[in-house]
Amino acid sequence: MNKFLFKQIDNTGLSLFRIIFGLLIALEGFGAIATGWVRRVLVSPDFTFNFIGFDFLQVFVGEGMYFYFALMGIFGIFVMLGYKYRLAMFSYALLWTTVYLMQKTSYNNHYYLMVLLCWIMAFLPANKRYSLDAKFNPSFKSLSMPQWVKWTLILQVGIVFMYGSVAKWYPDWINGTAPGIILKSKSNYFLIGELLQHSWVHYVIAYFGIFFDLLIIPMLLWKRTRLLGFYLSLFFNLFNSIVFQVGIFPYMSIAFLLFFFSSETIQKRFKLKNEIYNEYKITIPKYNNILIGILLVYFIFQIGLPIRHWMIQDDVLWTEEGHRMSWRMMLRSKSGTLTVRVQNKKTGKEKVYDYKKLLSPKQSRSVTTKPDLMWQLAQKIKATETEKGNDVAIYMNSKVSINGGPFHQFTDPKIDIANLNWDLFKHSNWLLTPPEDYHNK
């Protein structure tokens, strides 16, 4: 094991990946300001639906987030240039993790992947070559890295793709219903909009998605299928970028292809100076057992966390419990209705509460289908009423539709959820058991 993990290999791929990764995360920081994402998500709302338990992060919400994201963009540039790399990468990882935990309305699995990659990159020797750190300190420069660096990144991304495939193994995806509904909003796209509405295209996308996610890493690892995997990956990621507009993730995935080709090939294609590390050397550090232990625990967690919803009552497609951080990407269309009733416990008087006055339009849409957001909204309303001297019970009456199917009762409207605790790993009993055909049209 030690010989495999600590064998020294050329670091050209990692160094170039750092440059592209730094550019992309810088664009994420500056782009979030330019596109209005920061304003819509973190400035305009009175509060954000942070991850439960991280309410203290609300202190950051507001105009200061413009400076916050500009600082992230600057750190991204430092990472790209390899200047003060370790400090810049740690700083960006911390800032981005805070953003991730700060809000769930614009939740995206790719944001979570970026959290993981930022922290992984912070510990990797990615500035040993093609960096200002190496230029200013020539003794720091190195052409090699231990092999565990490469396989840590490959395994991490491999887990993402594997679970992305498994999550698609359900009826509405396999019969093309879910892709069809997702693509319905793309009908006005130039040239391809009409094509995307054909049922045969929905089937192609459904099965291509399943098999691409399942097989792309093995294809890239096997020399005979590597070139095919490369072109399929280019097509897949550019298609996702154009059609679904999922930010920097497709280009990060394309950059990740660097880890599957030889340094000779990479240097030739990028017309770089021919400096190849080709010594056979194994350097085992004194902390090797600690490092192996950390990697083992980390990957056990990464394999176990995405399947926690299998241990929770009812289907995650219905309850949303265990959905986040499980690589359930672009799987379904879900809509809902919500009525909130507030009852004064002292007088017994009850009224329909206009919760939309507390939320942005996007927050108002999200809260109708996501139980943790409903629970947080109930806590917010309760706190508001408590400040007025009212002791209240709060009831949520929600109905949801999945993949264009009929609306079904989602919550028990007779349970006061404001006085319940939220348990991350247990089923909430105020969520009703779904009918058998709830996700079939």
Protein backbone atom coordinates (compact mmCIF):
# COMPACT_ATOMS: atom_id res chain seq x y z
CA MET A 1 0.00 0.00 0.00
CA ASN A 2 2.76 2.46 0.98
CA LYS A 3 4.69 1.74 -2.20
CA PHE A 4 1.61 2.48 -4.32
CA LEU A 5 0.47 5.62 -2.47
CA PHE A 6 3.86 7.23 -2.00
CA LYS A 7 5.45 6.45 -5.35
CA GLN A 8 6.55 9.75 -6.90
CA ILE A 9 4.96 10.67 -10.26
CA ASP A 10 5.12 13.70 -12.52
CA ASN A 11 2.98 16.63 -11.37
CA THR A 12 2.27 18.36 -14.70
CA GLY A 13 -1.43 17.45 -14.62
CA LEU A 14 -1.95 18.70 -11.07
CA SER A 15 -0.12 21.95 -11.77
CA LEU A 16 -2.19 22.72 -14.87
CA PHE A 17 -5.37 21.71 -13.05
CA ARG A 18 -4.50 24.23 -10.32
CA ILE A 19 -4.22 26.99 -12.91
CA ILE A 20 -7.60 26.17 -14.49
CA PHE A 21 -9.22 25.52 -11.12
CA GLY A 22 -7.99 28.87 -9.82
CA LEU A 23 -9.35 30.66 -12.89
CA LEU A 24 -12.73 28.97 -12.54
CA ILE A 25 -13.15 29.71 -8.84
CA ALA A 26 -12.11 33.31 -9.47
CA LEU A 27 -14.81 33.54 -12.13
CA GLU A 28 -17.26 32.00 -9.64
CA GLY A 29 -16.49 34.80 -7.18
CA PHE A 30 -16.58 37.74 -9.59
CA GLY A 31 -19.31 36.19 -11.75
CA ALA A 32 -21.70 35.79 -8.82
CA ILE A 33 -21.55 39.56 -8.39
CA ALA A 34 -21.80 40.39 -12.11
CA THR A 35 -24.78 38.12 -12.79
CA GLY A 36 -26.74 39.40 -9.80
CA TRP A 37 -26.61 36.07 -7.95
CA VAL A 38 -25.17 37.68 -4.82
CA ARG A 39 -27.85 40.38 -4.86
CA ARG A 40 -30.73 37.94 -5.39
CA VAL A 41 -29.60 35.28 -2.94
CA LEU A 42 -27.56 36.98 -0.23
CA VAL A 43 -28.35 40.71 -0.26
CA SER A 44 -32.01 41.28 -1.15
CA PRO A 45 -33.66 38.63 1.13
CA ASP A 46 -34.26 39.59 4.76
CA PHE A 47 -32.80 36.23 5.75
CA THR A 48 -31.57 33.07 4.03
CA PHE A 49 -32.43 29.45 4.66
CA ASN A 50 -29.06 28.41 6.03
CA PHE A 51 -28.21 24.82 6.87
CA ILE A 52 -29.93 24.01 10.15
CA GLY A 53 -27.59 24.72 13.04
CA PHE A 54 -25.72 27.49 11.21
CA ASP A 55 -28.05 30.37 12.00
CA PHE A 56 -25.10 32.45 13.22
CA LEU A 57 -24.05 32.86 9.56
CA GLN A 58 -26.98 35.23 9.07
CA VAL A 59 -24.69 38.02 10.29
CA PHE A 60 -22.99 37.96 6.87
CA VAL A 61 -26.20 38.44 4.85
CA GLY A 62 -26.40 41.90 3.28
CA GLU A 63 -24.38 44.42 1.29
CA GLY A 64 -21.10 43.12 2.70
CA MET A 65 -21.45 40.01 0.53
CA TYR A 66 -20.29 42.01 -2.50
CA PHE A 67 -16.91 42.58 -0.84
CA TYR A 68 -16.96 38.97 0.39
CA PHE A 69 -17.28 37.55 -3.15
CA ALA A 70 -14.78 40.04 -4.58
CA LEU A 71 -12.29 38.79 -2.00
CA MET A 72 -13.03 35.22 -3.08
CA GLY A 73 -12.31 36.22 -6.68
CA ILE A 74 -8.95 37.67 -5.65
CA PHE A 75 -8.02 34.51 -3.76
CA GLY A 76 -8.99 32.53 -6.88
CA ILE A 77 -6.53 34.57 -8.93
CA PHE A 78 -3.82 33.88 -6.35
CA VAL A 79 -4.55 30.16 -6.65
CA MET A 80 -4.35 30.34 -10.43
CA LEU A 81 -1.00 32.14 -10.29
CA GLY A 82 0.29 29.90 -7.51
CA TYR A 83 1.02 32.93 -5.35
CA LYS A 84 0.82 32.36 -1.60
CA TYR A 85 -1.05 29.28 -2.77
CA ARG A 86 -1.64 27.51 0.51
CA LEU A 87 -3.02 30.63 2.24
CA ALA A 88 -5.16 31.56 -0.79
CA MET A 89 -6.61 28.08 -1.21
CA PHE A 90 -7.40 27.67 2.48
CA SER A 91 -9.01 31.11 2.53
CA TYR A 92 -11.15 30.42 -0.51
CA ALA A 93 -12.17 27.02 0.88
CA LEU A 94 -13.28 28.63 4.15
CA LEU A 95 -15.18 31.46 2.44
CA TRP A 96 -16.90 29.16 -0.05
CA THR A 97 -17.86 26.65 2.65
CA THR A 98 -19.45 29.51 4.58
CA VAL A 99 -21.44 30.55 1.50
CA TYR A 100 -22.55 26.97 0.99
CA LEU A 101 -23.79 26.64 4.56
CA MET A 102 -25.36 30.10 4.48
CA GLN A 103 -28.21 29.36 2.09
CA LYS A 104 -30.15 26.46 0.53
CA THR A 105 -32.61 28.25 -1.77
CA SER A 106 -30.14 28.11 -4.66
CA TYR A 107 -28.80 24.72 -3.62
CA ASN A 108 -26.70 22.91 -6.19
CA ASN A 109 -24.79 19.65 -5.78
CA HIS A 110 -21.96 21.24 -7.71
CA TYR A 111 -21.57 23.81 -4.94
CA TYR A 112 -21.00 20.96 -2.51
CA LEU A 113 -18.46 19.35 -4.84
CA MET A 114 -16.62 22.66 -5.00
CA VAL A 115 -16.48 22.72 -1.19
CA LEU A 116 -14.84 19.30 -1.20
CA LEU A 117 -12.42 20.07 -4.03
CA CYS A 118 -11.38 23.38 -2.47
CA TRP A 119 -10.47 21.69 0.80
CA ILE A 120 -8.71 18.80 -0.97
CA MET A 121 -6.73 21.21 -3.15
CA ALA A 122 -5.71 23.21 -0.07
CA PHE A 123 -3.73 20.19 1.16
CA LEU A 124 -2.16 19.22 -2.17
CA PRO A 125 1.27 20.32 -3.46
CA ALA A 126 -0.30 21.98 -6.50
CA ASN A 127 2.08 24.98 -6.55
CA LYS A 128 5.33 23.10 -7.01
CA ARG A 129 5.44 23.91 -10.73
CA TYR A 130 4.11 26.69 -13.01
CA SER A 131 3.62 28.96 -10.00
CA LEU A 132 4.92 32.25 -8.65
CA ASP A 133 5.75 30.45 -5.41
CA ALA A 134 8.19 28.22 -7.31
CA LYS A 135 9.55 31.13 -9.36
CA PHE A 136 10.31 33.28 -6.32
CA ASN A 137 11.79 30.30 -4.46
CA PRO A 138 13.55 27.97 -6.94
CA SER A 139 14.40 25.47 -4.20
CA PHE A 140 10.66 25.00 -3.67
CA LYS A 141 10.13 23.84 -7.25
CA SER A 142 9.51 20.14 -7.80
CA LEU A 143 8.53 18.04 -10.81
CA SER A 144 6.96 15.24 -8.77
CA MET A 145 4.18 14.46 -6.33
CA PRO A 146 3.14 11.32 -4.43
CA GLN A 147 0.70 9.11 -6.30
CA TRP A 148 -1.98 9.37 -3.58
CA VAL A 149 -2.59 12.97 -4.70
CA LYS A 150 -3.83 11.89 -8.12
CA TRP A 151 -5.93 9.01 -6.82
CA THR A 152 -7.56 11.12 -4.11
CA LEU A 153 -9.00 13.41 -6.78
CA ILE A 154 -9.97 10.55 -9.08
CA LEU A 155 -11.73 8.66 -6.30
CA GLN A 156 -13.58 11.77 -5.13
CA VAL A 157 -14.95 12.56 -8.58
CA GLY A 158 -15.60 8.87 -9.23
CA ILE A 159 -17.90 8.75 -6.19
CA VAL A 160 -19.83 11.74 -7.54
CA PHE A 161 -20.42 10.11 -10.92
CA MET A 162 -21.26 6.70 -9.47
CA TYR A 163 -23.98 8.08 -7.20
CA GLY A 164 -25.16 10.36 -9.98
CA SER A 165 -25.87 7.26 -12.05
CA VAL A 166 -27.50 5.26 -9.25
CA ALA A 167 -29.85 8.13 -8.43
CA LYS A 168 -31.24 7.97 -11.97
CA TRP A 169 -32.38 4.38 -11.59
CA TYR A 170 -36.05 5.16 -10.98
CA PRO A 171 -39.14 4.88 -13.24
CA ASP A 172 -39.65 8.51 -14.28
CA TRP A 173 -36.04 8.81 -15.42
CA ILE A 174 -35.88 5.46 -17.16
CA ASN A 175 -39.09 6.09 -19.14
CA GLY A 176 -37.93 9.57 -20.20
CA THR A 177 -40.58 11.50 -18.24
CA ALA A 178 -38.19 13.42 -15.99
CA PRO A 179 -35.79 14.49 -18.78
CA GLY A 180 -38.78 15.56 -20.88
CA ILE A 181 -40.14 17.81 -18.15
CA ILE A 182 -36.72 19.28 -17.39
CA LEU A 183 -36.16 20.05 -21.09
CA LYS A 184 -39.63 21.53 -21.62
CA SER A 185 -38.40 24.94 -20.47
CA LYS A 186 -35.64 24.85 -23.11
CA SER A 187 -38.00 24.93 -26.11
CA ASN A 188 -37.04 28.52 -26.99
CA TYR A 189 -33.32 27.73 -27.33
CA PHE A 190 -31.79 28.71 -30.65
CA LEU A 191 -31.47 25.77 -33.11
CA ILE A 192 -31.75 22.98 -30.52
CA GLY A 193 -34.86 24.06 -28.60
CA GLU A 194 -37.35 22.20 -30.83
CA LEU A 195 -35.12 19.13 -31.06
CA LEU A 196 -35.00 18.85 -27.27
CA GLN A 197 -38.77 18.39 -27.14
CA HIS A 198 -38.80 15.03 -29.01
CA SER A 199 -39.48 11.95 -26.88
CA TRP A 200 -36.65 9.98 -28.49
CA VAL A 201 -34.23 12.72 -27.36
CA HIS A 202 -35.53 12.33 -23.81
CA TYR A 203 -34.78 8.59 -23.92
CA VAL A 204 -31.31 9.21 -25.32
CA ILE A 205 -30.53 11.74 -22.61
CA ALA A 206 -31.94 9.45 -19.91
CA TYR A 207 -29.81 6.45 -20.81
CA PHE A 208 -26.76 8.43 -21.86
CA GLY A 209 -26.85 10.09 -18.43
CA ILE A 210 -27.09 6.75 -16.63
CA PHE A 211 -24.28 5.04 -18.51
CA PHE A 212 -22.02 8.08 -18.82
CA ASP A 213 -22.02 8.66 -15.06
CA LEU A 214 -21.48 4.96 -14.39
CA LEU A 215 -18.74 4.28 -16.95
CA ILE A 216 -16.83 7.50 -17.66
CA ILE A 217 -14.18 7.06 -14.95
CA PRO A 218 -13.44 3.41 -15.89
CA MET A 219 -13.30 4.45 -19.56
CA LEU A 220 -10.78 7.18 -18.81
CA LEU A 221 -8.68 4.84 -16.69
CA TRP A 222 -8.45 2.17 -19.42
CA LYS A 223 -6.06 3.17 -22.18
CA ARG A 224 -8.11 1.52 -24.95
CA THR A 225 -11.24 3.56 -24.18
CA ARG A 226 -9.55 6.73 -22.89
CA LEU A 227 -9.81 8.73 -26.11
CA LEU A 228 -13.48 7.80 -26.54
CA GLY A 229 -14.11 8.77 -22.91
CA PHE A 230 -12.36 12.08 -23.55
CA TYR A 231 -14.63 13.00 -26.47
CA LEU A 232 -17.75 11.79 -24.67
CA SER A 233 -16.79 13.88 -21.66
CA LEU A 234 -16.27 16.95 -23.84
CA PHE A 235 -19.69 16.47 -25.44
CA PHE A 236 -21.45 15.74 -22.14
CA ASN A 237 -20.01 18.73 -20.30
CA LEU A 238 -20.45 21.23 -23.12
CA PHE A 239 -24.04 20.02 -23.60
CA ASN A 240 -24.71 20.55 -19.88
CA SER A 241 -23.12 24.00 -20.01
CA ILE A 242 -25.15 25.14 -23.02
CA VAL A 243 -28.50 23.54 -22.17
CA PHE A 244 -28.60 23.57 -18.37
CA GLN A 245 -26.23 26.47 -17.65
CA VAL A 246 -24.74 24.95 -14.50
CA GLY A 247 -21.93 27.44 -14.04
CA ILE A 248 -18.28 26.45 -13.88
CA PHE A 249 -18.81 22.76 -13.13
CA PRO A 250 -18.71 21.45 -16.74
CA TYR A 251 -15.40 23.20 -17.34
CA MET A 252 -14.02 21.93 -14.05
CA SER A 253 -14.94 18.42 -15.21
CA ILE A 254 -13.16 19.00 -18.52
CA ALA A 255 -10.05 20.20 -16.66
CA PHE A 256 -10.21 17.04 -14.56
CA LEU A 257 -9.37 15.03 -17.71
CA LEU A 258 -5.77 16.12 -17.21
CA PHE A 259 -5.33 13.41 -14.57
CA PHE A 260 -5.93 10.60 -17.08
CA PHE A 261 -3.28 11.44 -19.67
CA SER A 262 0.48 11.11 -19.46
CA SER A 263 2.59 14.15 -18.69
CA GLU A 264 4.32 13.71 -22.06
CA THR A 265 0.97 14.00 -23.85
CA ILE A 266 -0.12 16.99 -21.76
CA GLN A 267 3.14 18.90 -22.26
CA LYS A 268 3.05 18.22 -25.98
CA ARG A 269 -0.58 19.34 -26.39
CA PHE A 270 -0.09 22.48 -24.30
CA LYS A 271 3.32 23.15 -25.91
CA LEU A 272 5.10 23.28 -22.58
CA LYS A 273 8.80 22.91 -21.84
CA ASN A 274 9.68 19.24 -21.88
CA GLU A 275 10.39 18.57 -18.20
CA ILE A 276 9.25 15.09 -17.23
CA TYR A 277 9.84 13.39 -13.92
CA ASN A 278 10.62 9.78 -14.76
CA GLU A 279 12.58 8.51 -11.78
CA TYR A 280 11.34 5.52 -9.83
CA LYS A 281 11.31 6.84 -6.31
CA ILE A 282 9.18 6.07 -3.27
CA THR A 283 9.23 8.66 -0.51
CA ILE A 284 7.36 7.52 2.60
CA PRO A 285 6.89 10.35 5.13
CA LYS A 286 6.91 9.81 8.88
CA TYR A 287 3.21 10.70 9.05
CA ASN A 288 2.21 8.11 6.43
CA ASN A 289 -0.03 6.09 8.77
CA ILE A 290 -1.85 9.25 9.90
CA LEU A 291 -2.36 10.32 6.29
CA ILE A 292 -3.69 6.90 5.26
CA GLY A 293 -6.02 6.92 8.26
CA ILE A 294 -7.36 10.36 7.37
CA LEU A 295 -7.96 9.38 3.74
CA LEU A 296 -9.67 6.15 4.81
CA VAL A 297 -12.04 7.93 7.20
CA TYR A 298 -12.74 10.65 4.65
CA PHE A 299 -13.71 8.25 1.88
CA ILE A 300 -15.79 6.06 4.18
CA PHE A 301 -17.72 9.24 4.98
CA GLN A 302 -17.99 10.18 1.31
CA ILE A 303 -19.33 6.73 0.41
CA GLY A 304 -21.68 6.53 3.39
CA LEU A 305 -23.21 10.03 3.48
CA PRO A 306 -24.93 9.86 0.06
CA ILE A 307 -26.83 6.69 1.01
CA ARG A 308 -28.16 7.92 4.35
CA HIS A 309 -31.58 8.44 2.77
CA TRP A 310 -31.81 4.64 2.34
CA MET A 311 -31.98 4.45 6.15
CA ILE A 312 -34.77 7.04 6.41
CA GLN A 313 -38.45 6.13 6.07
CA ASP A 314 -40.11 6.78 2.68
CA ASP A 315 -38.57 7.69 -0.66
CA VAL A 316 -36.14 10.62 -0.75
CA LEU A 317 -37.76 11.66 -4.02
CA TRP A 318 -40.88 12.44 -1.98
CA THR A 319 -39.56 13.53 1.42
CA GLU A 320 -36.34 15.31 0.34
CA GLU A 321 -34.80 13.93 3.56
CA GLY A 322 -31.21 13.01 2.79
CA HIS A 323 -31.35 14.64 -0.64
CA ARG A 324 -28.58 17.15 -0.16
CA MET A 325 -24.94 16.04 -0.40
CA SER A 326 -26.01 12.75 -2.04
CA TRP A 327 -25.24 13.63 -5.70
CA ARG A 328 -28.91 13.48 -6.75
CA MET A 329 -28.38 15.83 -9.68
CA MET A 330 -30.96 17.01 -12.25
CA LEU A 331 -33.37 14.20 -11.38
CA ARG A 332 -36.88 15.52 -11.14
CA SER A 333 -39.25 18.42 -11.44
CA LYS A 334 -41.16 19.21 -8.27
CA SER A 335 -43.83 21.82 -7.58
CA GLY A 336 -46.03 22.47 -4.58
CA THR A 337 -48.60 24.59 -2.84
CA LEU A 338 -48.39 25.77 0.75
CA THR A 339 -50.82 27.34 3.17
CA VAL A 340 -49.58 28.40 6.59
CA ARG A 341 -52.01 28.72 9.49
CA VAL A 342 -51.06 30.43 12.75
CA GLN A 343 -53.10 29.81 15.90
CA ASN A 344 -52.88 31.91 19.03
CA LYS A 345 -52.69 29.38 21.86
CA LYS A 346 -54.15 31.79 24.40
CA THR A 347 -57.21 32.96 22.45
CA GLY A 348 -57.60 29.99 20.10
CA LYS A 349 -57.94 32.37 17.17
CA GLU A 350 -56.49 31.16 13.90
CA LYS A 351 -55.51 32.94 10.70
CA VAL A 352 -53.87 32.21 7.37
CA TYR A 353 -50.38 33.68 7.51
CA ASP A 354 -48.97 35.52 4.48
CA TYR A 355 -45.52 33.95 4.64
CA LYS A 356 -44.52 35.39 1.27
CA LYS A 357 -44.03 38.80 2.86
CA LEU A 358 -41.00 37.31 4.67
CA LEU A 359 -39.46 35.67 1.59
CA SER A 360 -38.08 36.42 -1.85
CA PRO A 361 -39.97 34.97 -4.86
CA LYS A 362 -37.45 32.13 -5.20
CA GLN A 363 -37.59 31.35 -1.49
CA SER A 364 -41.41 31.30 -1.70
CA ARG A 365 -41.24 28.67 -4.44
CA SER A 366 -38.63 26.53 -2.70
CA VAL A 367 -40.41 26.39 0.65
CA THR A 368 -43.50 24.73 -0.86
CA THR A 369 -41.70 21.41 -1.47
CA LYS A 370 -38.79 21.22 0.98
CA PRO A 371 -39.63 20.16 4.55
CA ASP A 372 -36.53 21.57 6.21
CA LEU A 373 -37.32 24.98 4.74
CA MET A 374 -40.91 24.65 6.01
CA TRP A 375 -39.62 23.87 9.49
CA GLN A 376 -37.24 26.83 9.39
CA LEU A 377 -40.04 29.10 8.15
CA ALA A 378 -42.16 27.95 11.09
CA GLN A 379 -39.33 28.84 13.48
CA LYS A 380 -39.01 32.26 11.83
CA ILE A 381 -42.75 32.96 12.12
CA LYS A 382 -42.79 31.74 15.72
CA ALA A 383 -39.90 34.05 16.62
CA THR A 384 -41.66 36.98 14.93
CA GLU A 385 -44.89 36.31 16.83
CA THR A 386 -43.07 35.76 20.11
CA GLU A 387 -41.55 39.23 19.79
CA LYS A 388 -45.13 40.53 19.62
CA GLY A 389 -45.99 38.65 22.82
CA ASN A 390 -47.95 35.88 21.09
CA ASP A 391 -47.59 32.18 21.90
CA VAL A 392 -48.55 30.44 18.67
CA ALA A 393 -48.94 27.06 16.99
CA ILE A 394 -48.02 26.86 13.30
CA TYR A 395 -49.51 24.41 10.83
CA MET A 396 -48.21 23.74 7.31
CA ASN A 397 -50.63 22.47 4.65
CA SER A 398 -48.58 21.46 1.62
CA LYS A 399 -49.38 19.47 -1.51
CA VAL A 400 -46.73 18.47 -4.03
CA SER A 401 -46.53 17.23 -7.59
CA ILE A 402 -43.53 15.30 -8.89
CA ASN A 403 -42.64 15.17 -12.58
CA GLY A 404 -45.93 16.65 -13.71
CA GLY A 405 -48.06 14.12 -11.79
CA PRO A 406 -51.12 14.92 -9.68
CA PHE A 407 -50.81 16.90 -6.46
CA HIS A 408 -50.81 14.80 -3.29
CA GLN A 409 -50.98 15.83 0.35
CA PHE A 410 -47.41 16.24 1.56
CA THR A 411 -47.72 17.43 5.16
CA ASP A 412 -50.09 16.73 8.03
CA PRO A 413 -51.92 20.07 8.43
CA LYS A 414 -52.92 19.20 12.03
CA ILE A 415 -49.39 19.03 13.47
CA ASP A 416 -47.78 22.11 15.00
CA ILE A 417 -44.29 21.90 13.52
CA ALA A 418 -43.01 25.07 15.20
CA ASN A 419 -42.73 23.15 18.45
CA LEU A 420 -40.93 20.13 16.96
CA ASN A 421 -37.20 19.55 16.73
CA TRP A 422 -35.47 18.84 13.44
CA ASP A 423 -33.45 15.62 13.22
CA LEU A 424 -31.03 15.41 10.30
CA PHE A 425 -30.97 11.60 10.16
CA LYS A 426 -34.57 10.73 11.08
CA HIS A 427 -37.90 10.90 9.31
CA SER A 428 -40.19 13.79 10.23
CA ASN A 429 -43.55 12.32 11.20
CA TRP A 430 -45.46 15.37 9.99
CA LEU A 431 -44.55 14.33 6.42
CA LEU A 432 -47.21 11.97 5.09
CA THR A 433 -46.48 8.64 3.45
CA PRO A 434 -46.77 9.04 -0.33
CA PRO A 435 -49.27 7.12 -2.48
CA GLU A 436 -47.78 4.28 -4.50
CA ASP A 437 -48.03 6.09 -7.85
CA TYR A 438 -47.01 9.53 -6.61
CA HIS A 439 -44.22 10.03 -9.19
CA ASN A 440 -45.91 8.45 -12.20
CA LYS A 441 -48.09 10.45 -14.54
